[in-house]
Amino acid sequence: MDFDDHKFLRFLQAAGQGLTKSLKDLLSNIPNPNEYLNTVDEVTVNQKWSVLMAGCLTERIDLVRMLLESFQPDLEILNTVQIQIRDRDKDNQFETFEHVTVLWVAAAVNNLPLVQLLVEHGANVNHRTKTNSTPVRCACCNNNIDMVRYLIAHGADIHIAKIKHLTNLLASAYNGHLQMAIYLVDELGCDVNECSDNGQSPLNAVVSKGFLNIAQFLLEHGARNSLVDYNQMTPLMLAAENRRVDLVEAISPYCPLIEQIEGEELLASAFICIELGESSSDEAMKYLIRALGRRSIHQIRKPIQQSTHIVFNHRQECQTIGQLLTLEHNSDLMYIEALLIRERILGKKNKKYLHSLHVHGEILLDNEEYQAGLAMWMYELSLYQTESIEIDKEDLRYFVYALSFVIKQSVAIPMDCFYTLINVTSDKLKHPQNHSDYDYNLLTLLFFITITSKVNII
């Protein structure tokens, strides 16, 4: 048969407009209606639909019922569609989905009667899209418990995870759906500690989004304060970083004592660091005093560093409340105390800690403390090297631009600054992520070489 594109487009148009009788008449008057129904064709640049899909996307349930009862459309034909996703982080943007069936779309547009109709006519409830998404996952993301119940009753597997092992519970928690989370855990037995491939747990997801009620539910059902691979932080640490006192207090009772104490110390440091919000020394002192008091009661001393660094004025962390009180009215020393806490708890590889160093360097430069600011930045860059951390190309160029600004102030630059920047930039050139990165980093190096001719070196 010679496929008639114009005729097919007429069928698509009729389906999209919900012209049930007209479409039935058109299909009834050709010898091979199912061949047209079981074909997908390009509708727009990023979309390929079947006639049945056109009806489902526009939620024309009468038209879909007519096609199912009067003809023999294949319910498992793979389509490419664009759907507006209700996501608080994405401002209801349209997203493209590939290898989707009509049942998946019916679930995605949150139409339970349409889902029921398609299942009654034999649609595969466990169909997986290109990203391994299933109809029941769509129902979870839409917080439609009735739809999940229906699909489960008809054989849907709630434990099929999206690519990167993004479970349905993780999706529900991330979207703030408490009742769905309760249903998945209490009735369907989903594991509250099942993580994605990068180690993110449902508890970590709700803490990152700030959902206290779901965090409390997960904790009551055995959620653990486990370290997440991609950011090297526990939910308690993340709550402290976000200055969420309520979440810190909710998680702490489920943690060992040392984690509780360090959670308070990290929370205190967050109240000092301006990149996390307006600085509050009063709040910081409150939690530092509380943490030191608990250390004293339980005889848990902070580790003593074998060597100290000049960028921290060769200081160690305060071991007693008395020592801490001597810093109370000195914002510079309080900031150093916060950085020392963050280095100990977050670790030298943690990007949030490195960012804290960077911001403090900016503060010093803004205050015209050029040598101290540069020293802080060189310490940050040295950590990128010694800890084998990949530095972003934009961040590297920013360092060079900032150095040029300092040079314009006729400030004498320590030779170590140049050695460090040359080494870091050379490493970027040796290991480019792609060709465009190589060109970008080469221009950074050339710019750096150019400004060295203007330098007063010490």
Protein backbone atom coordinates (compact mmCIF):
# COMPACT_ATOMS: atom_id res chain seq x y z
CA MET A 1 0.00 0.00 0.00
CA ASP A 2 1.19 3.53 -0.71
CA PHE A 3 0.86 5.44 2.52
CA ASP A 4 -1.08 8.69 2.08
CA ASP A 5 0.54 11.31 4.30
CA HIS A 6 -2.17 13.87 3.66
CA LYS A 7 -4.88 11.43 4.65
CA PHE A 8 -2.97 10.49 7.82
CA LEU A 9 -2.62 14.15 8.79
CA ARG A 10 -6.38 14.58 8.36
CA PHE A 11 -6.88 11.70 10.81
CA LEU A 12 -4.46 13.27 13.27
CA GLN A 13 -6.21 16.62 13.01
CA ALA A 14 -9.62 15.09 13.54
CA ALA A 15 -8.32 13.16 16.57
CA GLY A 16 -6.69 16.23 18.07
CA GLN A 17 -9.88 18.25 17.66
CA GLY A 18 -12.00 15.49 19.19
CA LEU A 19 -14.12 15.01 16.06
CA THR A 20 -15.22 11.50 17.00
CA LYS A 21 -17.91 10.95 14.37
CA SER A 22 -15.91 12.57 11.57
CA LEU A 23 -12.87 10.44 12.35
CA LYS A 24 -14.92 7.28 12.50
CA ASP A 25 -16.48 8.06 9.13
CA LEU A 26 -13.07 8.79 7.59
CA LEU A 27 -11.59 5.54 8.87
CA SER A 28 -14.63 3.46 7.97
CA ASN A 29 -14.43 4.55 4.35
CA ILE A 30 -10.93 3.26 3.67
CA PRO A 31 -9.91 -0.38 3.19
CA ASN A 32 -7.04 -0.39 5.68
CA PRO A 33 -7.88 1.80 8.71
CA ASN A 34 -5.66 -0.07 11.17
CA GLU A 35 -2.60 0.56 9.04
CA TYR A 36 -3.15 4.26 9.46
CA LEU A 37 -3.95 3.88 13.15
CA ASN A 38 -0.79 1.85 13.77
CA THR A 39 1.53 4.42 12.23
CA VAL A 40 3.38 7.32 13.83
CA ASP A 41 4.43 10.38 11.91
CA GLU A 42 6.19 13.65 12.66
CA VAL A 43 3.79 16.26 13.99
CA THR A 44 6.35 18.87 14.99
CA VAL A 45 10.16 18.86 15.06
CA ASN A 46 10.28 16.97 18.37
CA GLN A 47 7.04 15.00 18.24
CA LYS A 48 5.85 11.85 16.50
CA TRP A 49 2.32 10.63 17.20
CA SER A 50 -0.16 7.99 16.23
CA VAL A 51 -3.81 8.93 15.74
CA LEU A 52 -4.67 7.28 19.07
CA MET A 53 -1.93 9.30 20.76
CA ALA A 54 -3.43 12.53 19.41
CA GLY A 55 -6.68 11.62 21.14
CA CYS A 56 -4.92 10.78 24.40
CA LEU A 57 -2.81 13.93 24.48
CA THR A 58 -5.93 16.04 24.09
CA GLU A 59 -7.79 13.75 26.55
CA ARG A 60 -10.69 13.08 24.11
CA ILE A 61 -11.92 10.01 25.95
CA ASP A 62 -14.98 9.46 23.73
CA LEU A 63 -12.77 9.51 20.66
CA VAL A 64 -10.30 7.08 22.26
CA ARG A 65 -13.16 4.76 23.23
CA MET A 66 -14.50 4.83 19.67
CA LEU A 67 -11.08 3.90 18.24
CA LEU A 68 -10.65 1.06 20.72
CA GLU A 69 -14.13 -0.38 20.18
CA SER A 70 -14.46 0.14 16.42
CA PHE A 71 -10.95 -0.59 15.20
CA GLN A 72 -7.75 -2.37 16.27
CA PRO A 73 -5.14 0.22 17.19
CA ASP A 74 -1.88 -1.07 18.62
CA LEU A 75 -1.64 0.29 22.18
CA GLU A 76 2.11 -0.33 22.42
CA ILE A 77 3.26 1.81 19.49
CA LEU A 78 6.12 4.07 20.59
CA ASN A 79 5.61 7.81 20.29
CA THR A 80 7.64 10.94 20.98
CA VAL A 81 5.65 13.62 22.76
CA GLN A 82 6.00 16.93 24.55
CA ILE A 83 4.10 17.31 27.81
CA GLN A 84 3.86 20.19 30.24
CA ILE A 85 5.26 18.91 33.52
CA ARG A 86 3.94 20.31 36.78
CA ASP A 87 7.23 20.83 38.58
CA ARG A 88 7.80 23.60 41.11
CA ASP A 89 11.44 23.82 40.01
CA LYS A 90 10.81 23.93 36.27
CA ASP A 91 8.00 26.47 36.01
CA ASN A 92 5.68 24.05 34.19
CA GLN A 93 7.97 23.69 31.20
CA PHE A 94 7.27 21.38 28.28
CA GLU A 95 9.54 18.35 28.18
CA THR A 96 10.11 15.81 25.42
CA PHE A 97 9.58 12.11 26.19
CA GLU A 98 10.58 9.30 23.87
CA HIS A 99 9.33 5.72 23.46
CA VAL A 100 6.06 6.47 25.24
CA THR A 101 2.79 4.60 24.83
CA VAL A 102 -0.73 5.95 25.08
CA LEU A 103 -1.13 4.54 28.60
CA TRP A 104 2.02 6.30 29.79
CA VAL A 105 0.68 9.58 28.39
CA ALA A 106 -2.74 9.04 29.97
CA ALA A 107 -1.00 8.63 33.32
CA ALA A 108 1.30 11.60 32.67
CA VAL A 109 -1.64 13.92 31.96
CA ASN A 110 -3.24 12.56 35.15
CA ASN A 111 -6.44 11.26 33.55
CA LEU A 112 -7.65 8.22 35.54
CA PRO A 113 -10.74 7.42 33.37
CA LEU A 114 -8.49 7.40 30.30
CA VAL A 115 -6.00 5.13 32.09
CA GLN A 116 -8.79 2.74 33.07
CA LEU A 117 -10.14 2.64 29.52
CA LEU A 118 -6.73 1.78 28.05
CA VAL A 119 -5.97 -0.86 30.69
CA GLU A 120 -9.38 -2.47 30.10
CA HIS A 121 -8.38 -2.82 26.45
CA GLY A 122 -5.08 -4.53 27.26
CA ALA A 123 -2.50 -1.74 27.57
CA ASN A 124 0.80 -2.84 29.13
CA VAL A 125 0.85 -1.35 32.65
CA ASN A 126 4.62 -1.88 32.97
CA HIS A 127 5.73 -0.30 29.70
CA ARG A 128 9.04 1.52 30.09
CA THR A 129 9.97 4.68 28.22
CA LYS A 130 13.46 5.51 26.97
CA THR A 131 14.34 6.68 30.49
CA ASN A 132 12.72 3.62 32.12
CA SER A 133 9.72 5.59 33.35
CA THR A 134 6.44 3.68 33.79
CA PRO A 135 2.77 4.72 33.99
CA VAL A 136 2.77 4.13 37.75
CA ARG A 137 5.73 6.48 38.11
CA CYS A 138 3.72 9.19 36.35
CA ALA A 139 0.89 8.59 38.80
CA CYS A 140 3.34 8.93 41.72
CA CYS A 141 4.74 12.16 40.35
CA ASN A 142 1.19 13.49 39.96
CA ASN A 143 0.36 12.49 43.56
CA ASN A 144 -2.59 10.45 42.30
CA ILE A 145 -2.97 7.64 44.83
CA ASP A 146 -6.18 6.36 43.23
CA MET A 147 -4.38 5.91 39.92
CA VAL A 148 -1.46 4.13 41.60
CA ARG A 149 -3.88 1.80 43.40
CA TYR A 150 -5.65 1.01 40.13
CA LEU A 151 -2.43 0.31 38.23
CA ILE A 152 -1.04 -1.83 41.06
CA ALA A 153 -4.29 -3.82 41.14
CA HIS A 154 -3.82 -4.49 37.42
CA GLY A 155 -0.23 -5.70 37.69
CA ALA A 156 1.92 -2.58 37.77
CA ASP A 157 5.31 -3.04 39.45
CA ILE A 158 5.91 -0.17 41.88
CA HIS A 159 9.58 -1.15 42.23
CA ILE A 160 10.59 -0.37 38.64
CA ALA A 161 12.93 2.63 38.94
CA LYS A 162 13.76 5.27 36.37
CA ILE A 163 17.30 5.43 34.96
CA LYS A 164 19.97 6.21 37.56
CA HIS A 165 17.78 4.20 39.93
CA LEU A 166 15.41 7.06 40.68
CA THR A 167 12.74 5.20 42.63
CA ASN A 168 9.08 6.14 42.82
CA LEU A 169 9.42 6.88 46.52
CA LEU A 170 12.34 9.19 45.79
CA ALA A 171 10.24 11.03 43.19
CA SER A 172 7.29 11.37 45.56
CA ALA A 173 9.50 12.62 48.39
CA TYR A 174 11.27 15.11 46.13
CA ASN A 175 7.92 16.51 44.98
CA GLY A 176 6.67 16.92 48.55
CA HIS A 177 3.89 14.33 48.36
CA LEU A 178 3.48 13.17 51.95
CA GLN A 179 0.36 11.03 51.49
CA MET A 180 1.88 9.27 48.49
CA ALA A 181 5.05 8.59 50.49
CA ILE A 182 2.95 7.15 53.33
CA TYR A 183 1.07 4.92 50.88
CA LEU A 184 4.25 3.71 49.16
CA VAL A 185 5.97 2.87 52.44
CA ASP A 186 3.12 1.68 54.67
CA GLU A 187 1.02 -0.19 52.10
CA LEU A 188 3.45 -1.13 49.34
CA GLY A 189 6.56 -1.69 51.43
CA CYS A 190 8.93 0.62 49.56
CA ASP A 191 12.37 0.89 51.16
CA VAL A 192 12.95 4.30 52.75
CA ASN A 193 16.72 3.85 52.37
CA GLU A 194 16.82 2.77 48.73
CA CYS A 195 19.15 5.22 46.99
CA SER A 196 19.74 6.47 43.47
CA ASP A 197 22.96 5.61 41.67
CA ASN A 198 24.65 8.72 43.12
CA GLY A 199 23.60 7.81 46.65
CA GLN A 200 20.64 10.13 47.08
CA SER A 201 18.04 8.77 49.48
CA PRO A 202 14.43 9.94 49.93
CA LEU A 203 15.50 11.63 53.21
CA ASN A 204 18.26 13.54 51.44
CA ALA A 205 15.78 14.61 48.75
CA VAL A 206 13.22 16.01 51.22
CA VAL A 207 15.90 17.80 53.22
CA SER A 208 17.23 19.42 50.04
CA LYS A 209 13.67 20.62 49.31
CA GLY A 210 12.91 21.55 52.92
CA PHE A 211 9.93 19.22 53.52
CA LEU A 212 9.91 18.77 57.30
CA ASN A 213 6.75 16.63 57.50
CA ILE A 214 8.01 14.02 55.02
CA ALA A 215 11.44 14.00 56.70
CA GLN A 216 9.78 13.21 60.03
CA PHE A 217 7.75 10.40 58.46
CA LEU A 218 10.82 8.85 56.80
CA LEU A 219 12.85 9.06 60.00
CA GLU A 220 10.07 7.38 61.97
CA HIS A 221 10.18 4.57 59.42
CA GLY A 222 13.91 3.93 59.63
CA ALA A 223 15.51 6.44 57.26
CA ARG A 224 19.24 6.70 57.90
CA ASN A 225 21.48 9.76 57.98
CA SER A 226 23.73 8.34 55.26
CA LEU A 227 26.44 10.14 53.30
CA VAL A 228 25.43 10.98 49.73
CA ASP A 229 28.04 10.30 47.04
CA TYR A 230 27.46 13.27 44.77
CA ASN A 231 27.77 16.00 47.42
CA GLN A 232 29.55 14.08 50.22
CA MET A 233 26.98 15.27 52.74
CA THR A 234 24.49 13.57 55.03
CA PRO A 235 20.91 14.84 55.34
CA LEU A 236 21.84 16.31 58.74
CA MET A 237 24.80 18.16 57.24
CA LEU A 238 22.61 19.41 54.38
CA ALA A 239 19.97 20.65 56.82
CA ALA A 240 22.67 22.49 58.76
CA GLU A 241 24.06 24.02 55.56
CA ASN A 242 20.59 25.28 54.67
CA ARG A 243 20.19 26.78 58.17
CA ARG A 244 17.09 24.65 58.68
CA VAL A 245 17.10 24.43 62.47
CA ASP A 246 13.81 22.50 62.42
CA LEU A 247 15.26 19.80 60.16
CA VAL A 248 18.47 19.61 62.19
CA GLU A 249 16.41 19.10 65.34
CA ALA A 250 14.23 16.48 63.61
CA ILE A 251 17.16 14.42 62.28
CA SER A 252 19.58 14.69 65.23
CA PRO A 253 17.76 12.30 67.62
CA TYR A 254 18.16 9.51 65.06
CA CYS A 255 21.95 10.02 64.81
CA PRO A 256 24.94 9.03 66.97
CA LEU A 257 26.00 11.67 69.50
CA ILE A 258 29.06 12.80 67.55
CA GLU A 259 26.92 13.43 64.45
CA GLN A 260 24.48 15.44 66.55
CA ILE A 261 27.30 17.60 67.90
CA GLU A 262 28.86 18.11 64.48
CA GLY A 263 25.44 18.97 63.07
CA GLU A 264 25.22 21.84 65.58
CA GLU A 265 28.77 22.96 64.80
CA LEU A 266 28.10 22.96 61.06
CA LEU A 267 24.84 24.84 61.65
CA ALA A 268 26.80 27.46 63.59
CA SER A 269 29.31 27.81 60.76
CA ALA A 270 26.45 28.27 58.28
CA PHE A 271 25.15 31.21 60.33
CA ILE A 272 28.54 32.89 59.93
CA CYS A 273 29.23 32.27 56.22
CA ILE A 274 27.62 35.01 54.15
CA GLU A 275 27.21 32.88 51.01
CA LEU A 276 24.53 30.98 52.96
CA GLY A 277 22.64 34.10 54.00
CA GLU A 278 22.99 37.12 56.24
CA SER A 279 25.57 36.48 58.94
CA SER A 280 24.28 36.03 62.50
CA SER A 281 27.00 35.76 65.16
CA ASP A 282 24.36 35.40 67.89
CA GLU A 283 22.88 32.29 66.28
CA ALA A 284 26.36 30.92 65.61
CA MET A 285 27.45 31.43 69.22
CA LYS A 286 24.29 29.74 70.51
CA TYR A 287 24.97 26.50 68.64
CA LEU A 288 28.73 26.57 69.17
CA ILE A 289 28.25 26.95 72.93
CA ARG A 290 25.70 24.14 72.93
CA ALA A 291 28.02 21.85 70.97
CA LEU A 292 31.04 22.60 73.16
CA GLY A 293 28.90 22.01 76.25
CA ARG A 294 27.92 18.58 75.01
CA ARG A 295 31.53 17.79 74.10
CA SER A 296 32.54 18.72 77.63
CA ILE A 297 29.81 16.62 79.28
CA HIS A 298 30.62 13.55 77.18
CA GLN A 299 34.38 14.20 77.08
CA ILE A 300 34.53 14.32 73.27
CA ARG A 301 37.41 16.57 72.30
CA LYS A 302 37.85 18.07 68.87
CA PRO A 303 40.81 16.62 66.96
CA ILE A 304 44.02 18.62 67.27
CA GLN A 305 45.64 19.43 63.93
CA GLN A 306 49.28 18.38 63.58
CA SER A 307 50.00 21.59 61.67
CA THR A 308 48.15 24.86 61.18
CA HIS A 309 47.93 27.11 58.13
CA ILE A 310 48.86 30.74 57.75
CA VAL A 311 45.58 31.62 56.02
CA PHE A 312 43.84 30.74 59.30
CA ASN A 313 46.39 32.74 61.33
CA HIS A 314 47.80 29.39 62.50
CA ARG A 315 44.75 28.93 64.69
CA GLN A 316 43.19 25.72 66.00
CA GLU A 317 39.48 25.38 66.70
CA CYS A 318 38.25 26.41 70.12
CA GLN A 319 38.21 23.51 72.58
CA THR A 320 36.32 25.24 75.41
CA ILE A 321 33.49 27.72 75.84
CA GLY A 322 35.96 30.08 77.48
CA GLN A 323 38.15 30.10 74.39
CA LEU A 324 35.10 30.63 72.20
CA LEU A 325 33.89 33.63 74.18
CA THR A 326 37.16 35.45 73.46
CA LEU A 327 36.16 35.46 69.76
CA GLU A 328 32.61 36.68 70.29
CA HIS A 329 33.18 40.30 69.24
CA ASN A 330 35.80 39.64 66.57
CA SER A 331 34.08 38.91 63.27
CA ASP A 332 37.33 37.97 61.50
CA LEU A 333 38.24 35.35 64.09
CA MET A 334 34.66 34.02 64.13
CA TYR A 335 34.85 33.60 60.35
CA ILE A 336 38.10 31.66 60.66
CA GLU A 337 36.50 29.50 63.34
CA ALA A 338 33.68 28.74 60.91
CA LEU A 339 36.11 27.82 58.13
CA LEU A 340 38.05 25.51 60.43
CA ILE A 341 34.80 23.78 61.44
CA ARG A 342 33.77 23.39 57.82
CA GLU A 343 37.12 21.95 56.79
CA ARG A 344 36.92 19.36 59.59
CA ILE A 345 33.30 18.33 59.06
CA LEU A 346 32.76 18.78 55.32
CA GLY A 347 36.29 17.86 54.30
CA LYS A 348 38.79 19.51 52.00
CA LYS A 349 37.22 18.01 48.87
CA ASN A 350 33.73 19.35 49.54
CA LYS A 351 32.65 21.98 47.00
CA LYS A 352 30.63 23.87 49.61
CA TYR A 353 33.72 24.22 51.79
CA LEU A 354 35.83 25.32 48.82
CA HIS A 355 33.17 27.89 47.96
CA SER A 356 33.32 29.20 51.54
CA LEU A 357 37.06 29.74 51.14
CA HIS A 358 36.45 31.55 47.86
CA VAL A 359 33.82 33.86 49.33
CA HIS A 360 36.02 34.71 52.29
CA GLY A 361 38.82 35.56 49.87
CA GLU A 362 36.43 37.93 48.08
CA ILE A 363 35.52 39.57 51.38
CA LEU A 364 39.19 40.19 52.14
CA LEU A 365 39.82 41.63 48.68
CA ASP A 366 36.76 43.88 48.95
CA ASN A 367 38.20 45.14 52.24
CA GLU A 368 41.47 45.87 50.40
CA GLU A 369 43.27 43.14 52.35
CA TYR A 370 44.83 42.01 49.10
CA GLN A 371 47.60 39.78 50.41
CA ALA A 372 45.25 37.94 52.76
CA GLY A 373 42.60 37.55 50.04
CA LEU A 374 45.06 36.18 47.52
CA ALA A 375 46.49 33.82 50.12
CA MET A 376 42.99 32.47 50.82
CA TRP A 377 42.39 31.90 47.11
CA MET A 378 45.77 30.24 46.63
CA TYR A 379 44.94 27.92 49.52
CA GLU A 380 41.66 27.08 47.78
CA LEU A 381 43.46 26.40 44.50
CA SER A 382 46.07 24.27 46.26
CA LEU A 383 43.26 22.06 47.58
CA TYR A 384 41.95 21.59 44.05
CA GLN A 385 45.39 20.26 43.17
CA THR A 386 46.28 18.18 46.22
CA GLU A 387 42.81 16.67 46.50
CA SER A 388 42.57 16.00 42.72
CA ILE A 389 39.39 18.05 42.31
CA GLU A 390 38.31 19.20 38.87
CA ILE A 391 38.04 23.00 38.78
CA ASP A 392 35.43 24.59 36.57
CA LYS A 393 36.87 26.51 33.62
CA GLU A 394 34.79 29.58 34.48
CA ASP A 395 36.07 29.56 38.06
CA LEU A 396 39.65 29.32 36.83
CA ARG A 397 39.22 32.30 34.54
CA TYR A 398 37.62 34.24 37.37
CA PHE A 399 40.78 33.70 39.45
CA VAL A 400 42.87 35.18 36.63
CA TYR A 401 40.55 38.17 36.18
CA ALA A 402 40.60 38.81 39.92
CA LEU A 403 44.39 38.66 39.94
CA SER A 404 44.49 41.24 37.15
CA PHE A 405 42.29 43.51 39.27
CA VAL A 406 44.68 43.21 42.20
CA ILE A 407 47.62 43.94 39.91
CA LYS A 408 45.88 47.16 38.78
CA GLN A 409 45.92 48.27 42.41
CA SER A 410 49.74 48.19 42.25
CA VAL A 411 49.84 45.40 44.81
CA ALA A 412 52.96 43.25 45.04
CA ILE A 413 52.02 39.67 44.13
CA PRO A 414 53.70 36.67 45.81
CA MET A 415 55.46 34.41 43.33
CA ASP A 416 53.56 31.44 44.76
CA CYS A 417 50.36 32.85 43.27
CA PHE A 418 51.79 32.59 39.77
CA TYR A 419 53.18 29.12 40.29
CA THR A 420 49.84 27.88 41.57
CA LEU A 421 47.80 29.44 38.75
CA ILE A 422 50.23 28.22 36.08
CA ASN A 423 50.09 24.68 37.44
CA VAL A 424 46.30 24.60 37.69
CA THR A 425 45.82 26.06 34.20
CA SER A 426 48.38 23.65 32.73
CA ASP A 427 46.56 20.73 34.30
CA LYS A 428 43.32 21.92 32.67
CA LEU A 429 45.06 22.04 29.29
CA LYS A 430 46.46 18.54 29.72
CA HIS A 431 43.05 17.06 30.49
CA PRO A 432 40.40 18.96 28.52
CA GLN A 433 36.82 17.79 28.83
CA ASN A 434 36.33 18.61 25.14
CA HIS A 435 37.91 20.70 22.38
CA SER A 436 36.02 23.88 23.27
CA ASP A 437 37.30 23.60 26.86
CA TYR A 438 40.85 23.37 25.56
CA ASP A 439 40.46 26.58 23.54
CA TYR A 440 38.82 28.34 26.46
CA ASN A 441 41.55 27.33 28.90
CA LEU A 442 44.28 28.23 26.40
CA LEU A 443 42.85 31.75 26.18
CA THR A 444 42.82 31.89 29.96
CA LEU A 445 46.48 30.94 30.03
CA LEU A 446 47.37 33.52 27.37
CA PHE A 447 45.53 36.19 29.31
CA PHE A 448 47.37 35.14 32.45
CA ILE A 449 50.75 35.34 30.67
CA THR A 450 49.86 38.79 29.35
CA ILE A 451 49.07 40.26 32.76
CA THR A 452 52.29 38.91 34.30
CA SER A 453 54.18 41.59 32.39
CA LYS A 454 52.49 44.18 34.57
CA VAL A 455 53.35 42.50 37.84
CA ASN A 456 55.33 43.70 40.80
CA ILE A 457 56.47 40.35 42.18
CA ILE A 458 57.56 39.70 45.74
